[in-house]
């Protein structure tokens, strides 16, 4: 059974704009918006209209290419100087997910040997398109490797949203569920609601329903009970940045799930492309953790649920130490053991 033909493209290059699935409106409404300026791209990333590390990177790459097409610089030196300024501007939209910087830096590197402003603009567009095309292949491979780790008729728990709408297609952690469906394998999924923005409830549950995957939604604080009582075979999550030693930043709540998985002797897997691995950062202590608006906690769907003027702490991510991770699933294979050595070895092959 092939389900991938009906995937909703989360972003599409239109030549002079970016067609973007507005994830803030899901699951109630499927709305596409058209981004015509780099400022609109920045706002869409920052406000979570697009989210998921690979999807953020792809959208940012298109945003940089869009700025290039619209710029009126005739001096190559001035164009390149402003190009780097725009890279820094887009990176500021969400600092934790390294795919954002990786994609923008790849565009900059792609034009290092190119001369002429118009030629540079053309290469920027082509490189952004290539990043999206490659991401689809990457996610397919991650899904295949992830599926290979599950026993028959597996029950799996996942956190946040790491599916086709968080990438270009298939997803990272959720990619394994789509591959299982294609192969006719029986698979049951528990999806956490993922407070405070409810990516699991709004996005993962919706997306897996669309694909015909057996999904059960739970609140975040039900995870321990589910892992204890529902014969869960594995926990699988995505990542926004992986340090050189394997420490992994992912959606807030991931660290707690990793400790629970260890307590119940359940494998804990991280699925991510190599673009998420940051060998320049030695361990998780160096990963910047984004803090977001207090309203994400004090309000639900625009309605206040907390008292006025209450102090709020709202980190978007936490860091899971490498010793709690059973394996890291990449497009080049499954990495385990000494992550500092293995991640470096495998990434040098990419």
Protein backbone atom coordinates (compact mmCIF):
# COMPACT_ATOMS: atom_id res chain seq x y z
CA UNK A 1 0.00 0.00 0.00
CA UNK A 2 1.56 3.28 -1.08
CA UNK A 3 0.35 6.29 0.88
CA UNK A 4 3.02 8.81 -0.01
CA UNK A 5 1.43 10.01 -3.25
CA UNK A 6 -1.15 11.98 -1.27
CA UNK A 7 1.27 13.81 1.00
CA UNK A 8 0.57 17.50 1.40
CA UNK A 9 3.62 19.45 0.33
CA UNK A 10 4.45 21.71 3.28
CA UNK A 11 6.31 24.17 1.09
CA UNK A 12 6.62 24.71 -2.68
CA UNK A 13 8.83 27.14 -4.60
CA UNK A 14 6.66 29.21 -6.93
CA UNK A 15 9.39 31.12 -8.77
CA UNK A 16 8.62 34.45 -7.14
CA UNK A 17 7.12 33.29 -3.83
CA UNK A 18 6.89 30.35 -1.43
CA UNK A 19 3.63 28.43 -1.08
CA UNK A 20 3.54 27.38 2.57
CA UNK A 21 1.18 25.15 4.54
CA UNK A 22 0.13 27.19 7.58
CA UNK A 23 0.57 24.67 10.38
CA UNK A 24 -1.02 27.04 12.90
CA UNK A 25 -4.40 26.32 11.30
CA UNK A 26 -4.19 22.53 11.49
CA UNK A 27 -6.09 20.33 12.05
CA UNK A 28 -9.17 22.50 11.65
CA UNK A 29 -8.24 24.06 8.33
CA UNK A 30 -5.81 23.31 5.52
CA UNK A 31 -4.62 26.79 4.57
CA UNK A 32 -1.78 27.71 2.24
CA UNK A 33 -0.17 31.12 2.41
CA UNK A 34 2.17 32.77 -0.07
CA UNK A 35 5.37 34.35 1.22
CA UNK A 36 6.69 37.09 -1.01
CA UNK A 37 9.33 38.74 1.23
CA UNK A 38 12.15 37.60 3.47
CA UNK A 39 10.40 39.33 6.37
CA UNK A 40 7.36 37.12 5.85
CA UNK A 41 9.63 34.07 5.83
CA UNK A 42 11.21 35.15 9.14
CA UNK A 43 7.80 35.68 10.72
CA UNK A 44 6.46 32.35 9.45
CA UNK A 45 9.39 30.48 10.98
CA UNK A 46 9.29 32.39 14.27
CA UNK A 47 5.52 32.07 14.70
CA UNK A 48 5.50 28.32 13.89
CA UNK A 49 3.52 28.61 10.69
CA UNK A 50 6.29 26.31 9.51
CA UNK A 51 8.08 24.12 12.06
CA UNK A 52 10.18 21.00 12.18
CA UNK A 53 13.94 21.36 11.76
CA UNK A 54 14.20 20.18 8.11
CA UNK A 55 11.14 22.20 7.02
CA UNK A 56 12.53 25.31 8.70
CA UNK A 57 15.82 24.87 6.86
CA UNK A 58 14.16 24.42 3.48
CA UNK A 59 11.86 27.41 3.97
CA UNK A 60 14.74 29.60 5.12
CA UNK A 61 16.77 28.57 2.06
CA UNK A 62 13.90 29.60 -0.20
CA UNK A 63 13.61 32.84 1.77
CA UNK A 64 17.25 33.69 1.15
CA UNK A 65 16.88 32.87 -2.54
CA UNK A 66 13.74 35.00 -2.67
CA UNK A 67 15.60 37.96 -1.18
CA UNK A 68 18.34 37.48 -3.76
CA UNK A 69 15.90 37.61 -6.67
CA UNK A 70 14.32 40.79 -5.32
CA UNK A 71 17.54 42.63 -4.49
CA UNK A 72 18.67 45.43 -6.80
CA UNK A 73 22.38 45.26 -6.06
CA UNK A 74 24.61 45.53 -9.12
CA UNK A 75 27.88 45.25 -7.20
CA UNK A 76 28.82 41.64 -6.47
CA UNK A 77 30.73 42.71 -3.36
CA UNK A 78 27.73 44.57 -1.95
CA UNK A 79 25.41 41.68 -2.80
CA UNK A 80 27.60 39.16 -0.99
CA UNK A 81 27.92 41.41 2.07
CA UNK A 82 24.16 41.81 2.34
CA UNK A 83 23.66 38.09 1.67
CA UNK A 84 25.54 37.29 4.89
CA UNK A 85 23.48 39.85 6.78
CA UNK A 86 20.30 38.16 5.58
CA UNK A 87 21.66 34.78 6.69
CA UNK A 88 22.11 36.13 10.23
CA UNK A 89 18.66 37.68 10.09
CA UNK A 90 16.98 34.39 9.19
CA UNK A 91 19.02 32.43 11.74
CA UNK A 92 17.66 34.73 14.46
CA UNK A 93 14.12 33.48 13.83
CA UNK A 94 14.76 30.21 15.72
CA UNK A 95 18.21 29.61 17.19
CA UNK A 96 18.08 25.97 18.36
CA UNK A 97 17.42 24.03 15.15
CA UNK A 98 20.78 23.74 13.37
CA UNK A 99 19.18 22.78 10.03
CA UNK A 100 18.26 26.44 9.65
CA UNK A 101 21.89 27.57 9.67
CA UNK A 102 23.04 24.47 7.77
CA UNK A 103 20.72 25.17 4.84
CA UNK A 104 21.58 28.88 4.67
CA UNK A 105 25.31 28.19 4.92
CA UNK A 106 24.99 25.63 2.13
CA UNK A 107 23.50 28.32 -0.10
CA UNK A 108 26.34 30.69 0.73
CA UNK A 109 28.93 28.01 0.01
CA UNK A 110 27.26 27.11 -3.28
CA UNK A 111 28.01 30.57 -4.72
CA UNK A 112 31.57 30.99 -3.48
CA UNK A 113 33.05 30.29 -6.91
CA UNK A 114 30.21 31.91 -8.86
CA UNK A 115 30.66 35.41 -10.30
CA UNK A 116 28.11 37.95 -11.44
CA UNK A 117 25.08 38.99 -9.41
CA UNK A 118 22.53 37.41 -11.76
CA UNK A 119 24.49 34.17 -11.87
CA UNK A 120 24.66 34.10 -8.06
CA UNK A 121 20.90 34.63 -7.81
CA UNK A 122 20.24 31.70 -10.14
CA UNK A 123 22.52 29.35 -8.18
CA UNK A 124 20.88 30.31 -4.87
CA UNK A 125 17.47 29.33 -6.23
CA UNK A 126 18.71 26.06 -7.72
CA UNK A 127 20.53 25.09 -4.51
CA UNK A 128 17.43 25.74 -2.39
CA UNK A 129 15.36 23.52 -4.68
CA UNK A 130 18.03 20.82 -4.48
CA UNK A 131 17.97 20.91 -0.67
CA UNK A 132 14.25 20.15 -0.71
CA UNK A 133 14.63 17.36 -3.25
CA UNK A 134 17.44 15.74 -1.27
CA UNK A 135 15.49 16.00 1.98
CA UNK A 136 12.74 13.83 0.55
CA UNK A 137 15.25 11.09 -0.27
CA UNK A 138 16.93 11.52 3.11
CA UNK A 139 13.68 11.12 5.02
CA UNK A 140 12.72 8.04 3.05
CA UNK A 141 16.03 6.42 4.03
CA UNK A 142 15.61 7.40 7.70
CA UNK A 143 12.14 5.85 7.66
CA UNK A 144 13.47 2.58 6.23
CA UNK A 145 16.20 2.32 8.86
CA UNK A 146 13.81 3.26 11.64
CA UNK A 147 11.25 0.66 10.60
CA UNK A 148 13.98 -2.01 10.64
CA UNK A 149 14.38 -1.52 14.40
CA UNK A 150 10.76 -2.32 15.26
CA UNK A 151 9.53 -5.83 16.04
CA UNK A 152 6.48 -7.21 14.24
CA UNK A 153 3.17 -5.67 15.30
CA UNK A 154 5.07 -3.03 17.25
CA UNK A 155 3.63 -0.48 19.63
CA UNK A 156 5.62 2.76 19.55
CA UNK A 157 5.40 6.06 21.43
CA UNK A 158 6.42 9.34 19.81
CA UNK A 159 6.63 12.97 20.92
CA UNK A 160 5.96 16.23 19.04
CA UNK A 161 5.62 16.16 15.25
CA UNK A 162 8.33 14.75 13.02
CA UNK A 163 6.30 13.83 9.97
CA UNK A 164 5.89 14.84 6.36
CA UNK A 165 4.75 18.36 7.23
CA UNK A 166 7.90 18.89 9.35
CA UNK A 167 10.16 17.97 6.42
CA UNK A 168 9.71 17.82 2.66
CA UNK A 169 8.07 14.38 2.77
CA UNK A 170 7.80 11.27 4.98
CA UNK A 171 9.37 12.86 8.05
CA UNK A 172 12.13 11.61 10.34
CA UNK A 173 10.75 9.69 13.33
CA UNK A 174 7.29 9.44 11.75
CA UNK A 175 8.87 8.25 8.53
CA UNK A 176 9.22 4.80 10.09
CA UNK A 177 5.44 4.68 10.58
CA UNK A 178 4.77 5.55 6.94
CA UNK A 179 7.20 2.89 5.76
CA UNK A 180 5.51 0.36 8.05
CA UNK A 181 2.15 1.26 6.51
CA UNK A 182 3.50 0.87 2.99
CA UNK A 183 4.88 -2.56 3.84
CA UNK A 184 1.59 -3.67 5.34
CA UNK A 185 3.03 -4.00 8.83
CA UNK A 186 0.73 -3.68 11.83
CA UNK A 187 1.84 -0.76 13.93
CA UNK A 188 0.21 1.04 16.84
CA UNK A 189 1.36 4.54 17.80
CA UNK A 190 0.88 6.54 20.98
CA UNK A 191 1.32 10.25 20.30
CA UNK A 192 1.84 12.69 23.15
CA UNK A 193 -0.13 15.93 22.94
CA UNK A 194 3.16 17.88 23.27
CA UNK A 195 2.44 20.91 25.40
CA UNK A 196 2.43 23.83 25.27
CA UNK A 197 1.72 24.25 21.53
CA UNK A 198 0.14 20.80 21.06
CA UNK A 199 2.09 19.69 18.00
CA UNK A 200 1.28 16.08 18.82
CA UNK A 201 -2.45 16.65 19.23
CA UNK A 202 -2.87 19.08 16.35
CA UNK A 203 -0.35 17.74 13.87
CA UNK A 204 0.92 14.21 14.57
CA UNK A 205 -2.49 12.74 15.38
CA UNK A 206 -4.00 14.46 12.34
CA UNK A 207 -1.19 13.45 10.01
CA UNK A 208 -1.18 9.78 11.06
CA UNK A 209 -4.95 9.64 10.78
CA UNK A 210 -4.70 10.89 7.21
CA UNK A 211 -2.27 8.06 6.46
CA UNK A 212 -4.43 5.38 8.05
CA UNK A 213 -1.95 4.67 10.85
CA UNK A 214 -3.39 3.36 14.12
CA UNK A 215 -2.74 6.32 16.44
CA UNK A 216 -3.86 6.98 20.01
CA UNK A 217 -3.47 10.46 21.48
CA UNK A 218 -2.39 10.86 25.11
CA UNK A 219 -1.59 13.82 27.32
CA UNK A 220 2.07 14.36 28.15
CA UNK A 221 1.63 13.34 31.78
CA UNK A 222 0.17 9.96 30.76
CA UNK A 223 3.46 8.82 29.21
CA UNK A 224 4.80 6.99 32.27
CA UNK A 225 1.58 5.04 32.71
CA UNK A 226 1.44 4.13 29.02
CA UNK A 227 5.06 2.96 28.97
CA UNK A 228 4.42 0.89 32.09
CA UNK A 229 1.13 -0.71 31.09
CA UNK A 230 0.70 -0.78 27.30
CA UNK A 231 3.58 -3.03 26.18
CA UNK A 232 5.34 -0.25 24.29
CA UNK A 233 8.22 -1.66 22.22
CA UNK A 234 10.08 1.59 21.53
CA UNK A 235 10.09 5.35 21.87
CA UNK A 236 11.17 7.31 18.79
CA UNK A 237 11.61 11.08 18.51
CA UNK A 238 13.20 13.59 16.17
CA UNK A 239 15.88 16.17 16.89
CA UNK A 240 16.58 19.85 16.36
CA UNK A 241 20.30 19.65 17.06
CA UNK A 242 22.64 16.78 17.92
CA UNK A 243 26.02 17.59 19.46
CA UNK A 244 29.22 15.79 18.50
CA UNK A 245 28.90 13.43 21.48
CA UNK A 246 25.28 12.51 20.68
CA UNK A 247 23.56 14.77 23.20
CA UNK A 248 20.28 15.72 21.54
CA UNK A 249 18.10 18.82 21.73
CA UNK A 250 14.48 18.13 20.91
CA UNK A 251 11.02 19.39 21.87
CA UNK A 252 10.60 20.06 25.57
CA UNK A 253 9.51 16.86 27.31
CA UNK A 254 11.89 14.59 25.38
CA UNK A 255 14.35 14.36 28.27
CA UNK A 256 11.64 13.09 30.61
CA UNK A 257 10.58 10.45 28.08
CA UNK A 258 14.18 9.27 27.75
CA UNK A 259 14.46 8.77 31.50
CA UNK A 260 11.14 6.93 31.55
CA UNK A 261 12.22 4.66 28.69
CA UNK A 262 15.38 3.76 30.58
CA UNK A 263 13.40 3.07 33.76
CA UNK A 264 11.10 0.68 31.90
CA UNK A 265 13.92 -0.84 29.79
CA UNK A 266 12.41 0.38 26.50
CA UNK A 267 14.65 1.39 23.55
CA UNK A 268 14.82 5.15 23.00
CA UNK A 269 15.61 6.16 19.41
CA UNK A 270 16.41 9.54 17.86
CA UNK A 271 15.75 9.94 14.12
CA UNK A 272 17.41 12.82 12.29
CA UNK A 273 19.29 13.69 9.09
CA UNK A 274 23.00 14.41 9.23
CA UNK A 275 22.23 18.09 8.68
CA UNK A 276 20.95 18.06 12.28
CA UNK A 277 24.30 16.88 13.65
CA UNK A 278 26.52 19.76 14.72
CA UNK A 279 30.08 18.51 15.14
CA UNK A 280 31.16 22.04 16.09
CA UNK A 281 29.33 21.64 19.39
CA UNK A 282 31.00 19.13 21.69
CA UNK A 283 28.08 18.39 23.99
CA UNK A 284 24.56 19.45 24.89
CA UNK A 285 25.66 22.20 27.25
CA UNK A 286 26.65 24.28 24.22
CA UNK A 287 23.27 24.02 22.47
CA UNK A 288 21.30 27.30 22.68
CA UNK A 289 17.80 26.70 24.02
CA UNK A 290 15.10 28.95 22.63
CA UNK A 291 12.65 30.47 25.09
CA UNK A 292 9.29 31.44 23.72
CA UNK A 293 6.34 33.66 24.60
CA UNK A 294 4.63 33.19 27.96
CA UNK A 295 1.28 33.20 26.15
CA UNK A 296 1.98 29.72 24.79
CA UNK A 297 1.53 28.52 28.39
CA UNK A 298 -0.96 31.02 29.82
CA UNK A 299 -3.36 30.69 26.88
CA UNK A 300 -4.90 27.79 24.96
CA UNK A 301 -6.47 28.61 21.59
CA UNK A 302 -6.48 32.27 22.56
CA UNK A 303 -8.24 31.71 25.90
CA UNK A 304 -6.38 32.55 29.12
CA UNK A 305 -6.09 29.55 31.46
CA UNK A 306 -3.61 31.00 33.97
CA UNK A 307 -3.82 33.99 36.31
CA UNK A 308 -2.73 37.43 35.15
CA UNK A 309 0.90 38.40 35.80
CA UNK A 310 2.02 34.89 36.80
CA UNK A 311 5.71 34.17 36.19
CA UNK A 312 6.25 31.84 33.23
CA UNK A 313 9.26 29.82 32.08
CA UNK A 314 8.83 28.48 28.54
CA UNK A 315 11.88 26.73 27.04
CA UNK A 316 10.99 25.20 23.68
CA UNK A 317 13.55 22.39 23.92
CA UNK A 318 15.45 20.23 26.37
CA UNK A 319 18.63 18.21 25.93
CA UNK A 320 18.76 14.41 26.27
CA UNK A 321 22.23 13.10 27.21
CA UNK A 322 23.73 10.50 24.92
CA UNK A 323 23.73 7.72 27.53
CA UNK A 324 19.91 7.66 27.42
CA UNK A 325 19.81 7.21 23.63
CA UNK A 326 19.77 3.63 22.33
CA UNK A 327 20.59 4.63 18.73
CA UNK A 328 20.53 7.58 16.37
CA UNK A 329 18.83 6.81 13.05
CA UNK A 330 20.23 8.68 10.05
CA UNK A 331 19.93 8.49 6.28
CA UNK A 332 23.31 6.69 6.21
CA UNK A 333 22.42 4.07 8.77
CA UNK A 334 21.92 3.43 12.46
CA UNK A 335 24.55 4.92 14.77
CA UNK A 336 25.13 3.52 18.24
CA UNK A 337 27.92 2.96 20.72
CA UNK A 338 30.53 5.68 21.08
CA UNK A 339 28.63 8.56 19.48
CA UNK A 340 31.61 10.92 19.52
CA UNK A 341 33.55 8.50 17.33
CA UNK A 342 30.70 7.06 15.28
CA UNK A 343 28.96 10.33 14.37
CA UNK A 344 32.25 11.82 13.21
CA UNK A 345 33.14 8.69 11.24
CA UNK A 346 29.79 8.43 9.47
CA UNK A 347 29.42 12.17 8.83
CA UNK A 348 32.79 12.23 7.08
CA UNK A 349 31.29 9.74 4.61
CA UNK A 350 28.31 11.97 3.78
